[in-house]
Protein backbone atom coordinates (compact mmCIF):
# COMPACT_ATOMS: atom_id res chain seq x y z
CA UNK A 1 -70.47 -45.07 83.81
CA UNK A 2 -67.55 -42.68 83.47
CA UNK A 3 -63.91 -43.73 83.29
CA UNK A 4 -63.30 -41.73 86.49
CA UNK A 5 -65.86 -43.83 88.38
CA UNK A 6 -64.55 -47.12 86.96
CA UNK A 7 -60.96 -46.26 87.89
CA UNK A 8 -62.00 -45.03 91.34
CA UNK A 9 -64.00 -48.20 92.11
CA UNK A 10 -60.96 -50.32 91.25
CA UNK A 11 -58.61 -48.18 93.36
CA UNK A 12 -61.00 -48.13 96.33
CA UNK A 13 -61.40 -51.89 96.25
CA UNK A 14 -57.61 -52.26 96.39
CA UNK A 15 -57.41 -49.90 99.39
CA UNK A 16 -60.25 -51.45 101.38
CA UNK A 17 -59.67 -55.14 100.81
CA UNK A 18 -62.41 -57.00 102.65
CA UNK A 19 -64.82 -54.06 102.50
CA UNK A 20 -65.74 -51.27 104.90
CA UNK A 21 -67.39 -52.83 107.93
CA UNK A 22 -68.29 -49.57 109.73
CA UNK A 23 -71.39 -48.97 107.59
CA UNK A 24 -72.27 -47.59 104.18
CA UNK A 25 -70.57 -44.56 102.68
CA UNK A 26 -71.13 -42.83 99.36
CA UNK A 27 -68.72 -40.66 97.38
CA UNK A 28 -70.40 -38.26 94.99
CA UNK A 29 -67.90 -37.08 92.40
CA UNK A 30 -69.33 -33.95 90.86
CA UNK A 31 -70.03 -34.35 87.16
CA UNK A 32 -69.07 -38.04 87.15
CA UNK A 33 -71.35 -40.12 89.39
CA UNK A 34 -71.42 -41.92 92.72
CA UNK A 35 -69.61 -44.77 94.43
CA UNK A 36 -70.96 -46.70 97.40
CA UNK A 37 -68.60 -48.43 99.83
CA UNK A 38 -69.78 -51.03 102.33
CA UNK A 39 -68.90 -54.44 103.72
CA UNK A 40 -68.93 -55.84 100.17
CA UNK A 41 -66.43 -53.27 98.87
CA UNK A 42 -66.83 -50.38 96.42
CA UNK A 43 -69.19 -50.23 93.46
CA UNK A 44 -70.71 -47.63 91.17
CA UNK A 45 -74.07 -46.85 92.76
CA UNK A 46 -76.30 -44.05 93.97
CA UNK A 47 -77.85 -46.10 96.80
CA UNK A 48 -78.63 -44.46 100.14
CA UNK A 49 -75.75 -44.39 102.65
CA UNK A 50 -75.01 -43.53 106.27
CA UNK A 51 -72.64 -40.78 105.14
CA UNK A 52 -72.23 -39.00 101.81
CA UNK A 53 -69.00 -37.27 100.84
CA UNK A 54 -69.13 -34.88 97.90
CA UNK A 55 -66.12 -33.48 96.04
CA UNK A 56 -64.92 -32.54 92.58
CA UNK A 57 -62.74 -34.92 90.57
CA UNK A 58 -59.43 -33.29 91.54
CA UNK A 59 -60.23 -33.38 95.26
CA UNK A 60 -61.36 -36.99 95.12
CA UNK A 61 -58.29 -38.08 93.15
CA UNK A 62 -56.02 -36.25 95.59
CA UNK A 63 -57.61 -38.05 98.54
CA UNK A 64 -57.37 -41.37 96.73
CA UNK A 65 -53.69 -41.03 95.78
CA UNK A 66 -52.73 -39.64 99.19
CA UNK A 67 -51.67 -36.18 98.02
CA UNK A 68 -54.65 -34.55 99.83
CA UNK A 69 -55.63 -35.27 103.41
CA UNK A 70 -59.43 -35.78 103.67
CA UNK A 71 -59.60 -33.67 106.85
CA UNK A 72 -57.74 -30.83 105.12
CA UNK A 73 -60.11 -31.11 102.15
CA UNK A 74 -63.11 -30.88 104.49
CA UNK A 75 -61.68 -27.97 106.48
CA UNK A 76 -60.78 -26.19 103.24
CA UNK A 77 -64.30 -26.55 101.89
CA UNK A 78 -63.47 -28.78 98.93
CA UNK A 79 -65.08 -31.84 100.54
CA UNK A 80 -68.58 -31.78 102.01
CA UNK A 81 -69.90 -34.41 104.40
CA UNK A 82 -73.57 -35.17 104.98
CA UNK A 83 -74.48 -37.73 107.62
CA UNK A 84 -72.40 -39.66 110.13
CA UNK A 85 -69.20 -37.63 110.65
CA UNK A 86 -67.64 -40.40 112.76
CA UNK A 87 -68.07 -42.84 109.89
CA UNK A 88 -66.53 -40.32 107.50
CA UNK A 89 -63.48 -40.16 109.75
CA UNK A 90 -63.27 -43.97 109.87
CA UNK A 91 -63.44 -44.08 106.08
CA UNK A 92 -60.66 -41.50 105.85
CA UNK A 93 -58.48 -43.65 108.09
CA UNK A 94 -59.30 -46.77 106.04
CA UNK A 95 -58.22 -45.05 102.85
CA UNK A 96 -54.93 -43.76 104.25
């Protein structure tokens, strides 16, 4: 597992204390790996999910640290969403 994934899992678990009850979401960080977020919290995994968000490392880190709005990243083409768009929006709000 990459250092990027390890750091991201820790940061996501701090942001979503108590897990993400809306369903299962997966972040695919290009060149690094995948993170699944669900009711149990965040973990390094490539399990199936209700929604998959794909971005490069810089985009993901910007969304995580708050310097990049997830909606702006999606509209700008640096974040792709496959699956339940409503859940993606709920996840964005949970991470804010």
